[in-house]
Amino acid sequence: MAKEYAKVFYNSDAWKKTRAAYYKHCGGICERCMKEFKEGKRSLEDVKPVKIIHHKKHITPKNINDPRITLSFDNLEGVCDDHHNKEHKAKVKRYRFDKQGNIIKNNNYPE
């Protein structure tokens, strides 16, 4: 969820256009998964689609009006949920539920 100071930016036409263009630029494939694949650390079947266009240098109240930070391809990266959660230290869950309420094990959960 976007922080309060960033909500206007993330709803702007400039961001929506940049995000769509960057998604096409990276081919809709997680850039970190692809890097791991090229390094032999991940199989091609495990390469995931982009879910988030991530800012490498995080947006802050001080830089939110700087297009070199917010809109530059040099500061963007297409990542899957797993890589984005690792970046932001989100707690990885061992299990989740599907729409029917069945338990689904997260195969990427660190054992």
C-alpha atoms as a PDB file:
ATOM      1  CA  MET A   1       0.000   0.000   0.000  1.00  0.00           C
ATOM      2  CA  ALA A   2       1.317   3.406  -0.964  1.00  0.00           C
ATOM      3  CA  LYS A   3       2.272   5.777   1.792  1.00  0.00           C
ATOM      4  CA  GLU A   4       0.010   8.781   2.191  1.00  0.00           C
ATOM      5  CA  TYR A   5       2.490  11.268   0.702  1.00  0.00           C
ATOM      6  CA  ALA A   6       2.862   9.078  -2.426  1.00  0.00           C
ATOM      7  CA  LYS A   7      -0.795   8.379  -3.248  1.00  0.00           C
ATOM      8  CA  VAL A   8      -1.173  11.347  -5.599  1.00  0.00           C
ATOM      9  CA  PHE A   9       1.981  10.326  -7.459  1.00  0.00           C
ATOM     10  CA  TYR A  10       0.923   6.680  -7.880  1.00  0.00           C
ATOM     11  CA  ASN A  11      -2.449   7.798  -9.239  1.00  0.00           C
ATOM     12  CA  SER A  12      -0.895  10.259 -11.709  1.00  0.00           C
ATOM     13  CA  ASP A  13      -0.997   9.782 -15.480  1.00  0.00           C
ATOM     14  CA  ALA A  14       2.783  10.230 -15.619  1.00  0.00           C
ATOM     15  CA  TRP A  15       3.341   7.240 -13.304  1.00  0.00           C
ATOM     16  CA  LYS A  16       0.716   5.082 -15.017  1.00  0.00           C
ATOM     17  CA  LYS A  17       2.307   5.712 -18.429  1.00  0.00           C
ATOM     18  CA  THR A  18       5.828   5.133 -17.119  1.00  0.00           C
ATOM     19  CA  ARG A  19       4.790   1.958 -15.317  1.00  0.00           C
ATOM     20  CA  ALA A  20       3.116   0.556 -18.452  1.00  0.00           C
ATOM     21  CA  ALA A  21       6.111   1.444 -20.629  1.00  0.00           C
ATOM     22  CA  TYR A  22       8.553  -0.129 -18.187  1.00  0.00           C
ATOM     23  CA  TYR A  23       6.450  -3.292 -17.978  1.00  0.00           C
ATOM     24  CA  LYS A  24       6.790  -3.636 -21.756  1.00  0.00           C
ATOM     25  CA  HIS A  25      10.502  -2.803 -21.522  1.00  0.00           C
ATOM     26  CA  CYS A  26      11.185  -5.717 -19.162  1.00  0.00           C
ATOM     27  CA  GLY A  27       8.891  -8.070 -21.076  1.00  0.00           C
ATOM     28  CA  GLY A  28       6.651  -8.721 -18.089  1.00  0.00           C
ATOM     29  CA  ILE A  29       9.268 -11.054 -16.565  1.00  0.00           C
ATOM     30  CA  CYS A  30      10.738 -10.484 -13.096  1.00  0.00           C
ATOM     31  CA  GLU A  31      14.189  -9.043 -13.641  1.00  0.00           C
ATOM     32  CA  ARG A  32      15.594 -10.567 -10.461  1.00  0.00           C
ATOM     33  CA  CYS A  33      14.236 -14.028 -11.344  1.00  0.00           C
ATOM     34  CA  MET A  34      15.857 -13.731 -14.771  1.00  0.00           C
ATOM     35  CA  LYS A  35      19.166 -12.700 -13.209  1.00  0.00           C
ATOM     36  CA  GLU A  36      19.012 -15.741 -10.922  1.00  0.00           C
ATOM     37  CA  PHE A  37      18.172 -17.938 -13.929  1.00  0.00           C
ATOM     38  CA  LYS A  38      21.172 -16.612 -15.867  1.00  0.00           C
ATOM     39  CA  GLU A  39      23.380 -17.269 -12.819  1.00  0.00           C
ATOM     40  CA  GLY A  40      22.094 -20.864 -12.631  1.00  0.00           C
ATOM     41  CA  LYS A  41      20.332 -20.249  -9.321  1.00  0.00           C
ATOM     42  CA  ARG A  42      16.774 -20.690 -10.655  1.00  0.00           C
ATOM     43  CA  SER A  43      15.152 -22.861 -13.309  1.00  0.00           C
ATOM     44  CA  LEU A  44      13.314 -21.270 -16.212  1.00  0.00           C
ATOM     45  CA  GLU A  45      10.060 -22.760 -14.882  1.00  0.00           C
ATOM     46  CA  ASP A  46      10.595 -20.810 -11.643  1.00  0.00           C
ATOM     47  CA  VAL A  47      10.950 -17.424 -13.361  1.00  0.00           C
ATOM     48  CA  LYS A  48       7.892 -15.398 -12.349  1.00  0.00           C
ATOM     49  CA  PRO A  49       5.956 -12.577 -13.977  1.00  0.00           C
ATOM     50  CA  VAL A  50       6.279  -8.952 -12.939  1.00  0.00           C
ATOM     51  CA  LYS A  51       3.743  -7.906 -10.336  1.00  0.00           C
ATOM     52  CA  ILE A  52       5.275  -4.590  -9.293  1.00  0.00           C
ATOM     53  CA  ILE A  53       7.359  -1.910 -10.961  1.00  0.00           C
ATOM     54  CA  HIS A  54       9.729  -1.171  -8.113  1.00  0.00           C
ATOM     55  CA  HIS A  55      11.772   1.960  -7.442  1.00  0.00           C
ATOM     56  CA  LYS A  56      15.383   0.916  -6.708  1.00  0.00           C
ATOM     57  CA  LYS A  57      15.967   4.174  -4.845  1.00  0.00           C
ATOM     58  CA  HIS A  58      12.855   4.341  -2.721  1.00  0.00           C
ATOM     59  CA  ILE A  59      10.509   7.285  -2.989  1.00  0.00           C
ATOM     60  CA  THR A  60      10.549   9.649  -0.020  1.00  0.00           C
ATOM     61  CA  PRO A  61       8.792  12.929   0.751  1.00  0.00           C
ATOM     62  CA  LYS A  62      12.030  14.709  -0.238  1.00  0.00           C
ATOM     63  CA  ASN A  63      12.416  13.114  -3.687  1.00  0.00           C
ATOM     64  CA  ILE A  64       8.828  12.458  -4.760  1.00  0.00           C
ATOM     65  CA  ASN A  65       8.848  15.470  -7.105  1.00  0.00           C
ATOM     66  CA  ASP A  66      12.128  14.479  -8.753  1.00  0.00           C
ATOM     67  CA  PRO A  67      11.359  12.685 -12.041  1.00  0.00           C
ATOM     68  CA  ARG A  68      14.938  11.295 -12.101  1.00  0.00           C
ATOM     69  CA  ILE A  69      13.881   9.218  -9.100  1.00  0.00           C
ATOM     70  CA  THR A  70      10.193   8.640  -9.745  1.00  0.00           C
ATOM     71  CA  LEU A  71       9.961   8.249 -13.532  1.00  0.00           C
ATOM     72  CA  SER A  72      13.423   7.280 -14.806  1.00  0.00           C
ATOM     73  CA  PHE A  73      13.882   3.768 -16.196  1.00  0.00           C
ATOM     74  CA  ASP A  74      17.321   3.824 -14.531  1.00  0.00           C
ATOM     75  CA  ASN A  75      15.584   3.726 -11.145  1.00  0.00           C
ATOM     76  CA  LEU A  76      12.924   1.138 -12.024  1.00  0.00           C
ATOM     77  CA  GLU A  77      12.874  -2.625 -11.860  1.00  0.00           C
ATOM     78  CA  GLY A  78      10.131  -5.116 -12.715  1.00  0.00           C
ATOM     79  CA  VAL A  79       9.845  -7.654  -9.893  1.00  0.00           C
ATOM     80  CA  CYS A  80       7.593 -10.483  -8.761  1.00  0.00           C
ATOM     81  CA  ASP A  81       5.841 -10.444  -5.388  1.00  0.00           C
ATOM     82  CA  ASP A  82       8.503 -12.647  -3.784  1.00  0.00           C
ATOM     83  CA  HIS A  83      11.394 -10.389  -4.755  1.00  0.00           C
ATOM     84  CA  HIS A  84       9.485  -7.240  -3.812  1.00  0.00           C
ATOM     85  CA  ASN A  85       8.620  -8.708  -0.409  1.00  0.00           C
ATOM     86  CA  LYS A  86      12.270  -9.649   0.152  1.00  0.00           C
ATOM     87  CA  GLU A  87      13.299  -6.097  -0.752  1.00  0.00           C
ATOM     88  CA  HIS A  88      10.911  -4.642   1.792  1.00  0.00           C
ATOM     89  CA  LYS A  89      11.463  -7.397   4.351  1.00  0.00           C
ATOM     90  CA  ALA A  90       7.841  -8.474   4.289  1.00  0.00           C
ATOM     91  CA  LYS A  91       7.191 -11.537   6.355  1.00  0.00           C
ATOM     92  CA  VAL A  92       7.030 -14.538   4.042  1.00  0.00           C
ATOM     93  CA  LYS A  93       4.102 -16.757   4.939  1.00  0.00           C
ATOM     94  CA  ARG A  94       4.404 -20.532   5.028  1.00  0.00           C
ATOM     95  CA  TYR A  95       0.770 -21.009   3.993  1.00  0.00           C
ATOM     96  CA  ARG A  96      -2.022 -19.109   2.296  1.00  0.00           C
ATOM     97  CA  PHE A  97      -5.643 -19.866   1.446  1.00  0.00           C
ATOM     98  CA  ASP A  98      -7.215 -20.185  -1.985  1.00  0.00           C
ATOM     99  CA  LYS A  99     -10.703 -18.841  -2.827  1.00  0.00           C
ATOM    100  CA  GLN A 100     -12.318 -22.039  -1.535  1.00  0.00           C
ATOM    101  CA  GLY A 101     -10.495 -21.795   1.789  1.00  0.00           C
ATOM    102  CA  ASN A 102      -8.052 -24.621   1.079  1.00  0.00           C
ATOM    103  CA  ILE A 103      -4.570 -24.323   2.569  1.00  0.00           C
ATOM    104  CA  ILE A 104      -1.804 -23.771  -0.007  1.00  0.00           C
ATOM    105  CA  LYS A 105       1.824 -24.323   1.025  1.00  0.00           C
ATOM    106  CA  ASN A 106       4.311 -21.656  -0.117  1.00  0.00           C
ATOM    107  CA  ASN A 107       7.082 -23.616  -1.859  1.00  0.00           C
ATOM    108  CA  ASN A 108       9.378 -20.584  -1.560  1.00  0.00           C
ATOM    109  CA  TYR A 109       9.134 -20.522   2.225  1.00  0.00           C
ATOM    110  CA  PRO A 110      12.618 -20.804   3.734  1.00  0.00           C
ATOM    111  CA  GLU A 111      12.798 -24.076   5.655  1.00  0.00           C
END
